[in-house]
Amino acid sequence: MMDVEILIPISFFIVTAFIVKVISDNKIRHRLIEKGEIDEKIKYLFADKIQPKNLSSLKWGLVLTGIGLALFIGQLFHYAISEEMTIGGMFMFAGLGFIIYYIITKRMANETPSEVEQDKNK
């Protein structure tokens, strides 16, 4: 049987490589846009409208808060709640965080441009 401890550095390396790739891809895209070396049809993708990509920190904040809440409840009532129920609660609260994020982004996408301008002027 394989030791579980070896998975930690492997997963850390994979996550770090993925983050570096995403950051470098974004820098390259923005440089191409600034130099005007892309087609005009593509520029609308990087306009100043509200995009769910801009709200990724909100999404992960909601998910991690939900997981933390489940762990907190599991530790608070550790005599009454089994470990399996705590893990189930983590998945349930993480899913609830994703649902709340979906509702927020759906409402923001349905806002008219005049409502967005009014919010910016406040």
PDB file of N, CA and C in Angstrom:
ATOM      1  N   MET A   1       0.840  -1.179   0.000  1.00  0.00           N
ATOM      2  CA  MET A   1       0.000   0.000   0.000  1.00  0.00           C
ATOM      3  C   MET A   1       0.886   1.244   0.000  1.00  0.00           C
ATOM      4  N   MET A   2       0.488   2.227  -0.773  1.00  0.00           N
ATOM      5  CA  MET A   2       1.287   3.446  -0.919  1.00  0.00           C
ATOM      6  C   MET A   2       1.069   4.376   0.275  1.00  0.00           C
ATOM      7  N   ASP A   3       2.139   5.025   0.709  1.00  0.00           N
ATOM      8  CA  ASP A   3       2.018   5.994   1.795  1.00  0.00           C
ATOM      9  C   ASP A   3       1.277   7.230   1.293  1.00  0.00           C
ATOM     10  N   VAL A   4       0.382   7.732   2.105  1.00  0.00           N
ATOM     11  CA  VAL A   4      -0.417   8.898   1.741  1.00  0.00           C
ATOM     12  C   VAL A   4       0.426  10.176   1.803  1.00  0.00           C
ATOM     13  N   GLU A   5       1.477  10.180   2.612  1.00  0.00           N
ATOM     14  CA  GLU A   5       2.290  11.374   2.786  1.00  0.00           C
ATOM     15  C   GLU A   5       2.965  11.815   1.489  1.00  0.00           C
ATOM     16  N   ILE A   6       3.217  10.890   0.561  1.00  0.00           N
ATOM     17  CA  ILE A   6       3.876  11.234  -0.704  1.00  0.00           C
ATOM     18  C   ILE A   6       2.949  12.057  -1.600  1.00  0.00           C
ATOM     19  N   LEU A   7       1.648  11.972  -1.382  1.00  0.00           N
ATOM     20  CA  LEU A   7       0.702  12.715  -2.211  1.00  0.00           C
ATOM     21  C   LEU A   7       0.743  14.214  -1.936  1.00  0.00           C
ATOM     22  N   ILE A   8       1.144  14.604  -0.747  1.00  0.00           N
ATOM     23  CA  ILE A   8       1.167  16.027  -0.392  1.00  0.00           C
ATOM     24  C   ILE A   8       2.162  16.808  -1.257  1.00  0.00           C
ATOM     25  N   PRO A   9       3.449  16.415  -1.351  1.00  0.00           N
ATOM     26  CA  PRO A   9       4.347  17.197  -2.211  1.00  0.00           C
ATOM     27  C   PRO A   9       3.991  17.106  -3.692  1.00  0.00           C
ATOM     28  N   ILE A  10       3.473  15.967  -4.115  1.00  0.00           N
ATOM     29  CA  ILE A  10       3.077  15.827  -5.520  1.00  0.00           C
ATOM     30  C   ILE A  10       1.931  16.772  -5.844  1.00  0.00           C
ATOM     31  N   SER A  11       0.913  16.802  -4.990  1.00  0.00           N
ATOM     32  CA  SER A  11      -0.214  17.702  -5.248  1.00  0.00           C
ATOM     33  C   SER A  11       0.216  19.162  -5.126  1.00  0.00           C
ATOM     34  N   PHE A  12       1.114  19.479  -4.215  1.00  0.00           N
ATOM     35  CA  PHE A  12       1.627  20.848  -4.090  1.00  0.00           C
ATOM     36  C   PHE A  12       2.339  21.274  -5.366  1.00  0.00           C
ATOM     37  N   PHE A  13       3.146  20.380  -5.933  1.00  0.00           N
ATOM     38  CA  PHE A  13       3.855  20.685  -7.177  1.00  0.00           C
ATOM     39  C   PHE A  13       2.877  20.899  -8.324  1.00  0.00           C
ATOM     40  N   ILE A  14       1.863  20.072  -8.434  1.00  0.00           N
ATOM     41  CA  ILE A  14       0.875  20.197  -9.508  1.00  0.00           C
ATOM     42  C   ILE A  14       0.106  21.505  -9.392  1.00  0.00           C
ATOM     43  N   VAL A  15      -0.327  21.851  -8.187  1.00  0.00           N
ATOM     44  CA  VAL A  15      -1.073  23.098  -7.980  1.00  0.00           C
ATOM     45  C   VAL A  15      -0.186  24.306  -8.286  1.00  0.00           C
ATOM     46  N   THR A  16       1.062  24.279  -7.853  1.00  0.00           N
ATOM     47  CA  THR A  16       1.980  25.386  -8.119  1.00  0.00           C
ATOM     48  C   THR A  16       2.220  25.549  -9.617  1.00  0.00           C
ATOM     49  N   ALA A  17       2.425  24.453 -10.324  1.00  0.00           N
ATOM     50  CA  ALA A  17       2.632  24.515 -11.773  1.00  0.00           C
ATOM     51  C   ALA A  17       1.397  25.064 -12.477  1.00  0.00           C
ATOM     52  N   PHE A  18       0.230  24.674 -12.039  1.00  0.00           N
ATOM     53  CA  PHE A  18      -1.006  25.169 -12.641  1.00  0.00           C
ATOM     54  C   PHE A  18      -1.160  26.668 -12.426  1.00  0.00           C
ATOM     55  N   ILE A  19      -0.868  27.148 -11.228  1.00  0.00           N
ATOM     56  CA  ILE A  19      -0.979  28.577 -10.932  1.00  0.00           C
ATOM     57  C   ILE A  19       0.005  29.376 -11.788  1.00  0.00           C
ATOM     58  N   VAL A  20       1.235  28.896 -11.925  1.00  0.00           N
ATOM     59  CA  VAL A  20       2.232  29.588 -12.745  1.00  0.00           C
ATOM     60  C   VAL A  20       1.771  29.636 -14.202  1.00  0.00           C
ATOM     61  N   LYS A  21       1.199  28.548 -14.703  1.00  0.00           N
ATOM     62  CA  LYS A  21       0.719  28.506 -16.085  1.00  0.00           C
ATOM     63  C   LYS A  21      -0.410  29.502 -16.311  1.00  0.00           C
ATOM     64  N   VAL A  22      -1.374  29.564 -15.406  1.00  0.00           N
ATOM     65  CA  VAL A  22      -2.495  30.484 -15.549  1.00  0.00           C
ATOM     66  C   VAL A  22      -2.021  31.929 -15.529  1.00  0.00           C
ATOM     67  N   ILE A  23      -1.130  32.259 -14.616  1.00  0.00           N
ATOM     68  CA  ILE A  23      -0.628  33.631 -14.527  1.00  0.00           C
ATOM     69  C   ILE A  23       0.140  34.014 -15.787  1.00  0.00           C
ATOM     70  N   SER A  24       0.991  33.123 -16.282  1.00  0.00           N
ATOM     71  CA  SER A  24       1.764  33.460 -17.476  1.00  0.00           C
ATOM     72  C   SER A  24       0.865  33.564 -18.711  1.00  0.00           C
ATOM     73  N   ASP A  25      -0.144  32.729 -18.829  1.00  0.00           N
ATOM     74  CA  ASP A  25      -1.083  32.833 -19.949  1.00  0.00           C
ATOM     75  C   ASP A  25      -1.823  34.161 -19.929  1.00  0.00           C
ATOM     76  N   ASN A  26      -2.248  34.605 -18.763  1.00  0.00           N
ATOM     77  CA  ASN A  26      -2.949  35.884 -18.656  1.00  0.00           C
ATOM     78  C   ASN A  26      -2.035  37.053 -19.020  1.00  0.00           C
ATOM     79  N   LYS A  27      -0.781  37.013 -18.592  1.00  0.00           N
ATOM     80  CA  LYS A  27       0.148  38.091 -18.931  1.00  0.00           C
ATOM     81  C   LYS A  27       0.368  38.163 -20.435  1.00  0.00           C
ATOM     82  N   ILE A  28       0.491  37.020 -21.079  1.00  0.00           N
ATOM     83  CA  ILE A  28       0.692  36.993 -22.528  1.00  0.00           C
ATOM     84  C   ILE A  28      -0.534  37.547 -23.245  1.00  0.00           C
ATOM     85  N   ARG A  29      -1.716  37.166 -22.820  1.00  0.00           N
ATOM     86  CA  ARG A  29      -2.938  37.680 -23.443  1.00  0.00           C
ATOM     87  C   ARG A  29      -3.035  39.192 -23.311  1.00  0.00           C
ATOM     88  N   HIS A  30      -2.759  39.704 -22.131  1.00  0.00           N
ATOM     89  CA  HIS A  30      -2.859  41.144 -21.916  1.00  0.00           C
ATOM     90  C   HIS A  30      -1.808  41.906 -22.726  1.00  0.00           C
ATOM     91  N   ARG A  31      -0.615  41.356 -22.876  1.00  0.00           N
ATOM     92  CA  ARG A  31       0.402  42.012 -23.709  1.00  0.00           C
ATOM     93  C   ARG A  31      -0.020  42.037 -25.172  1.00  0.00           C
ATOM     94  N   LEU A  32      -0.606  40.960 -25.651  1.00  0.00           N
ATOM     95  CA  LEU A  32      -1.085  40.935 -27.030  1.00  0.00           C
ATOM     96  C   LEU A  32      -2.191  41.955 -27.248  1.00  0.00           C
ATOM     97  N   ILE A  33      -3.064  42.097 -26.272  1.00  0.00           N
ATOM     98  CA  ILE A  33      -4.149  43.069 -26.385  1.00  0.00           C
ATOM     99  C   ILE A  33      -3.583  44.485 -26.385  1.00  0.00           C
ATOM    100  N   GLU A  34      -2.627  44.757 -25.505  1.00  0.00           N
ATOM    101  CA  GLU A  34      -2.049  46.098 -25.428  1.00  0.00           C
ATOM    102  C   GLU A  34      -1.328  46.485 -26.712  1.00  0.00           C
ATOM    103  N   LYS A  35      -0.658  45.536 -27.349  1.00  0.00           N
ATOM    104  CA  LYS A  35       0.062  45.825 -28.584  1.00  0.00           C
ATOM    105  C   LYS A  35      -0.866  45.825 -29.799  1.00  0.00           C
ATOM    106  N   GLY A  36      -2.096  45.376 -29.628  1.00  0.00           N
ATOM    107  CA  GLY A  36      -3.048  45.368 -30.725  1.00  0.00           C
ATOM    108  C   GLY A  36      -2.792  44.267 -31.732  1.00  0.00           C
ATOM    109  N   GLU A  37      -2.178  43.187 -31.321  1.00  0.00           N
ATOM    110  CA  GLU A  37      -1.834  42.102 -32.227  1.00  0.00           C
ATOM    111  C   GLU A  37      -2.902  41.016 -32.294  1.00  0.00           C
ATOM    112  N   ILE A  38      -4.082  41.315 -31.787  1.00  0.00           N
ATOM    113  CA  ILE A  38      -5.155  40.331 -31.886  1.00  0.00           C
ATOM    114  C   ILE A  38      -6.294  40.928 -32.684  1.00  0.00           C
ATOM    115  N   ASP A  39      -7.175  40.085 -33.102  1.00  0.00           N
ATOM    116  CA  ASP A  39      -8.316  40.494 -33.909  1.00  0.00           C
ATOM    117  C   ASP A  39      -9.302  41.299 -33.067  1.00  0.00           C
ATOM    118  N   GLU A  40      -9.996  42.235 -33.686  1.00  0.00           N
ATOM    119  CA  GLU A  40     -10.982  43.068 -32.987  1.00  0.00           C
ATOM    120  C   GLU A  40     -12.125  42.233 -32.414  1.00  0.00           C
ATOM    121  N   LYS A  41     -12.402  41.097 -33.021  1.00  0.00           N
ATOM    122  CA  LYS A  41     -13.496  40.250 -32.552  1.00  0.00           C
ATOM    123  C   LYS A  41     -13.192  39.647 -31.185  1.00  0.00           C
ATOM    124  N   ILE A  42     -11.939  39.512 -30.846  1.00  0.00           N
ATOM    125  CA  ILE A  42     -11.539  38.899 -29.587  1.00  0.00           C
ATOM    126  C   ILE A  42     -11.523  39.920 -28.450  1.00  0.00           C
ATOM    127  N   LYS A  43     -11.350  41.196 -28.746  1.00  0.00           N
ATOM    128  CA  LYS A  43     -11.205  42.219 -27.703  1.00  0.00           C
ATOM    129  C   LYS A  43     -12.428  42.335 -26.807  1.00  0.00           C
ATOM    130  N   TYR A  44     -13.607  42.005 -27.301  1.00  0.00           N
ATOM    131  CA  TYR A  44     -14.798  42.111 -26.458  1.00  0.00           C
ATOM    132  C   TYR A  44     -14.743  41.146 -25.277  1.00  0.00           C
ATOM    133  N   LEU A  45     -13.944  40.114 -25.373  1.00  0.00           N
ATOM    134  CA  LEU A  45     -13.825  39.169 -24.255  1.00  0.00           C
ATOM    135  C   LEU A  45     -13.162  39.809 -23.039  1.00  0.00           C
ATOM    136  N   PHE A  46     -12.357  40.838 -23.271  1.00  0.00           N
ATOM    137  CA  PHE A  46     -11.633  41.475 -22.185  1.00  0.00           C
ATOM    138  C   PHE A  46     -12.194  42.854 -21.862  1.00  0.00           C
ATOM    139  N   ALA A  47     -13.437  43.099 -22.176  1.00  0.00           N
ATOM    140  CA  ALA A  47     -14.068  44.387 -21.894  1.00  0.00           C
ATOM    141  C   ALA A  47     -14.281  44.538 -20.392  1.00  0.00           C
ATOM    142  N   ASP A  48     -14.709  45.742 -19.974  1.00  0.00           N
ATOM    143  CA  ASP A  48     -14.893  46.034 -18.550  1.00  0.00           C
ATOM    144  C   ASP A  48     -16.254  45.602 -18.020  1.00  0.00           C
ATOM    145  N   LYS A  49     -16.872  44.637 -18.639  1.00  0.00           N
ATOM    146  CA  LYS A  49     -18.140  44.156 -18.111  1.00  0.00           C
ATOM    147  C   LYS A  49     -17.870  43.153 -16.991  1.00  0.00           C
ATOM    148  N   ILE A  50     -18.886  42.883 -16.220  1.00  0.00           N
ATOM    149  CA  ILE A  50     -18.746  41.961 -15.098  1.00  0.00           C
ATOM    150  C   ILE A  50     -18.674  40.539 -15.653  1.00  0.00           C
ATOM    151  N   GLN A  51     -17.623  39.846 -15.304  1.00  0.00           N
ATOM    152  CA  GLN A  51     -17.433  38.483 -15.759  1.00  0.00           C
ATOM    153  C   GLN A  51     -17.302  37.573 -14.544  1.00  0.00           C
ATOM    154  N   PRO A  52     -17.833  36.368 -14.634  1.00  0.00           N
ATOM    155  CA  PRO A  52     -17.678  35.440 -13.507  1.00  0.00           C
ATOM    156  C   PRO A  52     -16.217  35.167 -13.169  1.00  0.00           C
ATOM    157  N   LYS A  53     -15.326  35.302 -14.173  1.00  0.00           N
ATOM    158  CA  LYS A  53     -13.908  35.083 -13.912  1.00  0.00           C
ATOM    159  C   LYS A  53     -13.374  36.107 -12.915  1.00  0.00           C
ATOM    160  N   ASN A  54     -13.940  37.319 -12.949  1.00  0.00           N
ATOM    161  CA  ASN A  54     -13.511  38.361 -12.018  1.00  0.00           C
ATOM    162  C   ASN A  54     -13.972  38.072 -10.601  1.00  0.00           C
ATOM    163  N   LEU A  55     -14.928  37.198 -10.446  1.00  0.00           N
ATOM    164  CA  LEU A  55     -15.486  36.908  -9.130  1.00  0.00           C
ATOM    165  C   LEU A  55     -15.002  35.571  -8.571  1.00  0.00           C
ATOM    166  N   SER A  56     -13.878  35.074  -9.064  1.00  0.00           N
ATOM    167  CA  SER A  56     -13.415  33.772  -8.595  1.00  0.00           C
ATOM    168  C   SER A  56     -13.022  33.803  -7.117  1.00  0.00           C
ATOM    169  N   SER A  57     -12.534  34.940  -6.639  1.00  0.00           N
ATOM    170  CA  SER A  57     -12.187  35.008  -5.223  1.00  0.00           C
ATOM    171  C   SER A  57     -13.444  34.914  -4.357  1.00  0.00           C
ATOM    172  N   LEU A  58     -14.558  35.460  -4.858  1.00  0.00           N
ATOM    173  CA  LEU A  58     -15.826  35.318  -4.138  1.00  0.00           C
ATOM    174  C   LEU A  58     -16.234  33.847  -4.073  1.00  0.00           C
ATOM    175  N   LYS A  59     -16.100  33.152  -5.192  1.00  0.00           N
ATOM    176  CA  LYS A  59     -16.479  31.742  -5.245  1.00  0.00           C
ATOM    177  C   LYS A  59     -15.667  30.928  -4.241  1.00  0.00           C
ATOM    178  N   TRP A  60     -14.356  31.070  -4.288  1.00  0.00           N
ATOM    179  CA  TRP A  60     -13.523  30.263  -3.404  1.00  0.00           C
ATOM    180  C   TRP A  60     -13.638  30.714  -1.955  1.00  0.00           C
ATOM    181  N   GLY A  61     -13.931  31.976  -1.734  1.00  0.00           N
ATOM    182  CA  GLY A  61     -14.181  32.443  -0.372  1.00  0.00           C
ATOM    183  C   GLY A  61     -15.420  31.795   0.216  1.00  0.00           C
ATOM    184  N   LEU A  62     -16.481  31.704  -0.583  1.00  0.00           N
ATOM    185  CA  LEU A  62     -17.707  31.054  -0.114  1.00  0.00           C
ATOM    186  C   LEU A  62     -17.493  29.563   0.141  1.00  0.00           C
ATOM    187  N   VAL A  63     -16.780  28.906  -0.774  1.00  0.00           N
ATOM    188  CA  VAL A  63     -16.554  27.463  -0.626  1.00  0.00           C
ATOM    189  C   VAL A  63     -15.686  27.177   0.593  1.00  0.00           C
ATOM    190  N   LEU A  64     -14.599  27.904   0.748  1.00  0.00           N
ATOM    191  CA  LEU A  64     -13.716  27.648   1.880  1.00  0.00           C
ATOM    192  C   LEU A  64     -14.348  28.040   3.208  1.00  0.00           C
ATOM    193  N   THR A  65     -15.189  29.070   3.205  1.00  0.00           N
ATOM    194  CA  THR A  65     -15.925  29.414   4.417  1.00  0.00           C
ATOM    195  C   THR A  65     -16.879  28.299   4.793  1.00  0.00           C
ATOM    196  N   GLY A  66     -17.533  27.711   3.804  1.00  0.00           N
ATOM    197  CA  GLY A  66     -18.429  26.588   4.070  1.00  0.00           C
ATOM    198  C   GLY A  66     -17.690  25.390   4.635  1.00  0.00           C
ATOM    199  N   ILE A  67     -16.531  25.084   4.073  1.00  0.00           N
ATOM    200  CA  ILE A  67     -15.736  23.955   4.583  1.00  0.00           C
ATOM    201  C   ILE A  67     -15.266  24.246   6.002  1.00  0.00           C
ATOM    202  N   GLY A  68     -14.814  25.469   6.239  1.00  0.00           N
ATOM    203  CA  GLY A  68     -14.382  25.839   7.584  1.00  0.00           C
ATOM    204  C   GLY A  68     -15.514  25.781   8.587  1.00  0.00           C
ATOM    205  N   LEU A  69     -16.709  26.190   8.150  1.00  0.00           N
ATOM    206  CA  LEU A  69     -17.875  26.123   9.028  1.00  0.00           C
ATOM    207  C   LEU A  69     -18.198  24.675   9.397  1.00  0.00           C
ATOM    208  N   ALA A  70     -18.112  23.784   8.416  1.00  0.00           N
ATOM    209  CA  ALA A  70     -18.369  22.366   8.699  1.00  0.00           C
ATOM    210  C   ALA A  70     -17.330  21.798   9.657  1.00  0.00           C
ATOM    211  N   LEU A  71     -16.067  22.148   9.469  1.00  0.00           N
ATOM    212  CA  LEU A  71     -15.027  21.679  10.392  1.00  0.00           C
ATOM    213  C   LEU A  71     -15.227  22.249  11.792  1.00  0.00           C
ATOM    214  N   PHE A  72     -15.614  23.509  11.863  1.00  0.00           N
ATOM    215  CA  PHE A  72     -15.862  24.132  13.160  1.00  0.00           C
ATOM    216  C   PHE A  72     -17.004  23.431  13.886  1.00  0.00           C
ATOM    217  N   ILE A  73     -18.090  23.166  13.191  1.00  0.00           N
ATOM    218  CA  ILE A  73     -19.229  22.478  13.809  1.00  0.00           C
ATOM    219  C   ILE A  73     -18.832  21.070  14.216  1.00  0.00           C
ATOM    220  N   GLY A  74     -18.036  20.397  13.370  1.00  0.00           N
ATOM    221  CA  GLY A  74     -17.572  19.052  13.710  1.00  0.00           C
ATOM    222  C   GLY A  74     -16.701  19.028  14.953  1.00  0.00           C
ATOM    223  N   GLN A  75     -15.860  20.037  15.124  1.00  0.00           N
ATOM    224  CA  GLN A  75     -15.010  20.103  16.315  1.00  0.00           C
ATOM    225  C   GLN A  75     -15.771  20.572  17.543  1.00  0.00           C
ATOM    226  N   LEU A  76     -16.773  21.399  17.329  1.00  0.00           N
ATOM    227  CA  LEU A  76     -17.564  21.921  18.432  1.00  0.00           C
ATOM    228  C   LEU A  76     -18.384  20.804  19.084  1.00  0.00           C
ATOM    229  N   PHE A  77     -18.915  19.931  18.265  1.00  0.00           N
ATOM    230  CA  PHE A  77     -19.744  18.824  18.761  1.00  0.00           C
ATOM    231  C   PHE A  77     -19.079  17.491  18.447  1.00  0.00           C
ATOM    232  N   HIS A  78     -17.788  17.353  18.708  1.00  0.00           N
ATOM    233  CA  HIS A  78     -17.060  16.155  18.300  1.00  0.00           C
ATOM    234  C   HIS A  78     -17.518  14.891  19.042  1.00  0.00           C
ATOM    235  N   TYR A  79     -18.197  15.030  20.147  1.00  0.00           N
ATOM    236  CA  TYR A  79     -18.705  13.837  20.836  1.00  0.00           C
ATOM    237  C   TYR A  79     -20.015  13.359  20.223  1.00  0.00           C
ATOM    238  N   ALA A  80     -20.794  14.278  19.681  1.00  0.00           N
ATOM    239  CA  ALA A  80     -22.108  13.930  19.132  1.00  0.00           C
ATOM    240  C   ALA A  80     -22.068  13.658  17.634  1.00  0.00           C
ATOM    241  N   ILE A  81     -21.066  14.183  16.940  1.00  0.00           N
ATOM    242  CA  ILE A  81     -20.996  14.051  15.480  1.00  0.00           C
ATOM    243  C   ILE A  81     -19.790  13.192  15.133  1.00  0.00           C
ATOM    244  N   SER A  82     -20.015  12.192  14.274  1.00  0.00           N
ATOM    245  CA  SER A  82     -18.911  11.329  13.872  1.00  0.00           C
ATOM    246  C   SER A  82     -18.064  12.027  12.806  1.00  0.00           C
ATOM    247  N   GLU A  83     -16.901  11.471  12.555  1.00  0.00           N
ATOM    248  CA  GLU A  83     -15.982  12.040  11.574  1.00  0.00           C
ATOM    249  C   GLU A  83     -16.569  11.994  10.164  1.00  0.00           C
ATOM    250  N   GLU A  84     -17.307  10.951   9.869  1.00  0.00           N
ATOM    251  CA  GLU A  84     -17.932  10.830   8.554  1.00  0.00           C
ATOM    252  C   GLU A  84     -18.973  11.925   8.334  1.00  0.00           C
ATOM    253  N   MET A  85     -19.689  12.271   9.381  1.00  0.00           N
ATOM    254  CA  MET A  85     -20.687  13.337   9.254  1.00  0.00           C
ATOM    255  C   MET A  85     -20.001  14.692   9.046  1.00  0.00           C
ATOM    256  N   THR A  86     -18.846  14.891   9.661  1.00  0.00           N
ATOM    257  CA  THR A  86     -18.099  16.131   9.456  1.00  0.00           C
ATOM    258  C   THR A  86     -17.640  16.237   8.007  1.00  0.00           C
ATOM    259  N   ILE A  87     -17.128  15.153   7.445  1.00  0.00           N
ATOM    260  CA  ILE A  87     -16.696  15.154   6.046  1.00  0.00           C
ATOM    261  C   ILE A  87     -17.889  15.389   5.122  1.00  0.00           C
ATOM    262  N   GLY A  88     -19.003  14.750   5.415  1.00  0.00           N
ATOM    263  CA  GLY A  88     -20.219  14.986   4.640  1.00  0.00           C
ATOM    264  C   GLY A  88     -20.675  16.430   4.726  1.00  0.00           C
ATOM    265  N   GLY A  89     -20.563  17.017   5.918  1.00  0.00           N
ATOM    266  CA  GLY A  89     -20.912  18.423   6.096  1.00  0.00           C
ATOM    267  C   GLY A  89     -19.998  19.335   5.298  1.00  0.00           C
ATOM    268  N   MET A  90     -18.712  18.957   5.194  1.00  0.00           N
ATOM    269  CA  MET A  90     -17.784  19.749   4.390  1.00  0.00           C
ATOM    270  C   MET A  90     -18.232  19.791   2.937  1.00  0.00           C
ATOM    271  N   PHE A  91     -18.594  18.636   2.394  1.00  0.00           N
ATOM    272  CA  PHE A  91     -19.066  18.593   1.007  1.00  0.00           C
ATOM    273  C   PHE A  91     -20.382  19.353   0.849  1.00  0.00           C
ATOM    274  N   MET A  92     -21.253  19.208   1.824  1.00  0.00           N
ATOM    275  CA  MET A  92     -22.550  19.877   1.746  1.00  0.00           C
ATOM    276  C   MET A  92     -22.383  21.400   1.789  1.00  0.00           C
ATOM    277  N   PHE A  93     -21.580  21.912   2.715  1.00  0.00           N
ATOM    278  CA  PHE A  93     -21.385  23.352   2.811  1.00  0.00           C
ATOM    279  C   PHE A  93     -20.584  23.899   1.627  1.00  0.00           C
ATOM    280  N   ALA A  94     -19.644  23.113   1.096  1.00  0.00           N
ATOM    281  CA  ALA A  94     -18.918  23.548  -0.098  1.00  0.00           C
ATOM    282  C   ALA A  94     -19.887  23.657  -1.281  1.00  0.00           C
ATOM    283  N   GLY A  95     -20.767  22.685  -1.426  1.00  0.00           N
ATOM    284  CA  GLY A  95     -21.776  22.743  -2.476  1.00  0.00           C
ATOM    285  C   GLY A  95     -22.706  23.918  -2.292  1.00  0.00           C
ATOM    286  N   LEU A  96     -23.059  24.213  -1.051  1.00  0.00           N
ATOM    287  CA  LEU A  96     -23.903  25.373  -0.765  1.00  0.00           C
ATOM    288  C   LEU A  96     -23.180  26.670  -1.155  1.00  0.00           C
ATOM    289  N   GLY A  97     -21.871  26.725  -0.926  1.00  0.00           N
ATOM    290  CA  GLY A  97     -21.087  27.888  -1.347  1.00  0.00           C
ATOM    291  C   GLY A  97     -21.106  28.060  -2.853  1.00  0.00           C
ATOM    292  N   PHE A  98     -20.995  26.944  -3.611  1.00  0.00           N
ATOM    293  CA  PHE A  98     -21.070  27.023  -5.064  1.00  0.00           C
ATOM    294  C   PHE A  98     -22.450  27.488  -5.531  1.00  0.00           C
ATOM    295  N   ILE A  99     -23.498  27.021  -4.874  1.00  0.00           N
ATOM    296  CA  ILE A  99     -24.859  27.431  -5.244  1.00  0.00           C
ATOM    297  C   ILE A  99     -25.058  28.921  -4.986  1.00  0.00           C
ATOM    298  N   ILE A 100     -24.590  29.414  -3.849  1.00  0.00           N
ATOM    299  CA  ILE A 100     -24.709  30.843  -3.546  1.00  0.00           C
ATOM    300  C   ILE A 100     -23.927  31.666  -4.574  1.00  0.00           C
ATOM    301  N   TYR A 101     -22.738  31.183  -4.945  1.00  0.00           N
ATOM    302  CA  TYR A 101     -21.944  31.875  -5.965  1.00  0.00           C
ATOM    303  C   TYR A 101     -22.698  31.916  -7.299  1.00  0.00           C
ATOM    304  N   TYR A 102     -23.318  30.819  -7.682  1.00  0.00           N
ATOM    305  CA  TYR A 102     -24.075  30.764  -8.930  1.00  0.00           C
ATOM    306  C   TYR A 102     -25.216  31.774  -8.912  1.00  0.00           C
ATOM    307  N   ILE A 103     -25.922  31.854  -7.808  1.00  0.00           N
ATOM    308  CA  ILE A 103     -27.048  32.796  -7.705  1.00  0.00           C
ATOM    309  C   ILE A 103     -26.548  34.238  -7.812  1.00  0.00           C
ATOM    310  N   ILE A 104     -25.447  34.549  -7.138  1.00  0.00           N
ATOM    311  CA  ILE A 104     -24.906  35.910  -7.186  1.00  0.00           C
ATOM    312  C   ILE A 104     -24.481  36.270  -8.606  1.00  0.00           C
ATOM    313  N   THR A 105     -23.749  35.385  -9.286  1.00  0.00           N
ATOM    314  CA  THR A 105     -23.282  35.703 -10.635  1.00  0.00           C
ATOM    315  C   THR A 105     -24.440  35.762 -11.623  1.00  0.00           C
ATOM    316  N   LYS A 106     -25.460  34.953 -11.423  1.00  0.00           N
ATOM    317  CA  LYS A 106     -26.627  34.998 -12.311  1.00  0.00           C
ATOM    318  C   LYS A 106     -27.340  36.341 -12.181  1.00  0.00           C
ATOM    319  N   ARG A 107     -27.483  36.833 -10.946  1.00  0.00           N
ATOM    320  CA  ARG A 107     -28.108  38.139 -10.737  1.00  0.00           C
ATOM    321  C   ARG A 107     -27.272  39.257 -11.336  1.00  0.00           C
ATOM    322  N   MET A 108     -25.960  39.179 -11.196  1.00  0.00           N
ATOM    323  CA  MET A 108     -25.091  40.209 -11.750  1.00  0.00           C
ATOM    324  C   MET A 108     -25.103  40.193 -13.276  1.00  0.00           C
ATOM    325  N   ALA A 109     -25.215  39.020 -13.873  1.00  0.00           N
ATOM    326  CA  ALA A 109     -25.267  38.919 -15.326  1.00  0.00           C
ATOM    327  C   ALA A 109     -26.582  39.458 -15.870  1.00  0.00           C
ATOM    328  N   ASN A 110     -27.653  39.375 -15.093  1.00  0.00           N
ATOM    329  CA  ASN A 110     -28.961  39.848 -15.536  1.00  0.00           C
ATOM    330  C   ASN A 110     -29.155  41.336 -15.327  1.00  0.00           C
ATOM    331  N   GLU A 111     -28.229  42.005 -14.616  1.00  0.00           N
ATOM    332  CA  GLU A 111     -28.344  43.446 -14.417  1.00  0.00           C
ATOM    333  C   GLU A 111     -28.201  44.151 -15.758  1.00  0.00           C
ATOM    334  N   THR A 112     -28.956  45.185 -15.941  1.00  0.00           N
ATOM    335  CA  THR A 112     -28.827  45.982 -17.155  1.00  0.00           C
ATOM    336  C   THR A 112     -27.620  46.892 -17.021  1.00  0.00           C
ATOM    337  N   PRO A 113     -27.046  47.358 -18.142  1.00  0.00           N
ATOM    338  CA  PRO A 113     -25.883  48.246 -18.051  1.00  0.00           C
ATOM    339  C   PRO A 113     -26.174  49.536 -17.290  1.00  0.00           C
ATOM    340  N   SER A 114     -27.405  50.037 -17.335  1.00  0.00           N
ATOM    341  CA  SER A 114     -27.722  51.266 -16.600  1.00  0.00           C
ATOM    342  C   SER A 114     -27.659  51.030 -15.093  1.00  0.00           C
ATOM    343  N   GLU A 115     -28.055  49.832 -14.644  1.00  0.00           N
ATOM    344  CA  GLU A 115     -27.965  49.523 -13.217  1.00  0.00           C
ATOM    345  C   GLU A 115     -26.508  49.447 -12.779  1.00  0.00           C
ATOM    346  N   VAL A 116     -25.641  48.892 -13.641  1.00  0.00           N
ATOM    347  CA  VAL A 116     -24.227  48.799 -13.313  1.00  0.00           C
ATOM    348  C   VAL A 116     -23.617  50.191 -13.233  1.00  0.00           C
ATOM    349  N   GLU A 117     -23.988  51.085 -14.171  1.00  0.00           N
ATOM    350  CA  GLU A 117     -23.486  52.454 -14.133  1.00  0.00           C
ATOM    351  C   GLU A 117     -23.947  53.183 -12.890  1.00  0.00           C
ATOM    352  N   GLN A 118     -25.205  52.933 -12.458  1.00  0.00           N
ATOM    353  CA  GLN A 118     -25.711  53.579 -11.255  1.00  0.00           C
ATOM    354  C   GLN A 118     -24.938  53.102 -10.029  1.00  0.00           C
ATOM    355  N   ASP A 119     -24.590  51.805  -9.994  1.00  0.00           N
ATOM    356  CA  ASP A 119     -23.819  51.276  -8.871  1.00  0.00           C
ATOM    357  C   ASP A 119     -22.416  51.873  -8.849  1.00  0.00           C
ATOM    358  N   LYS A 120     -21.823  52.124 -10.021  1.00  0.00           N
ATOM    359  CA  LYS A 120     -20.471  52.703 -10.075  1.00  0.00           C
ATOM    360  C   LYS A 120     -20.476  54.146  -9.609  1.00  0.00           C
ATOM    361  N   ASN A 121     -21.588  54.857  -9.862  1.00  0.00           N
ATOM    362  CA  ASN A 121     -21.661  56.264  -9.483  1.00  0.00           C
ATOM    363  C   ASN A 121     -21.897  56.469  -7.995  1.00  0.00           C
ATOM    364  N   LYS A 122     -22.279  55.458  -7.265  1.00  0.00           N
ATOM    365  CA  LYS A 122     -22.565  55.584  -5.828  1.00  0.00           C
ATOM    366  C   LYS A 122     -21.309  55.679  -5.019  1.00  0.00           C
TER     367      LYS A 122
END
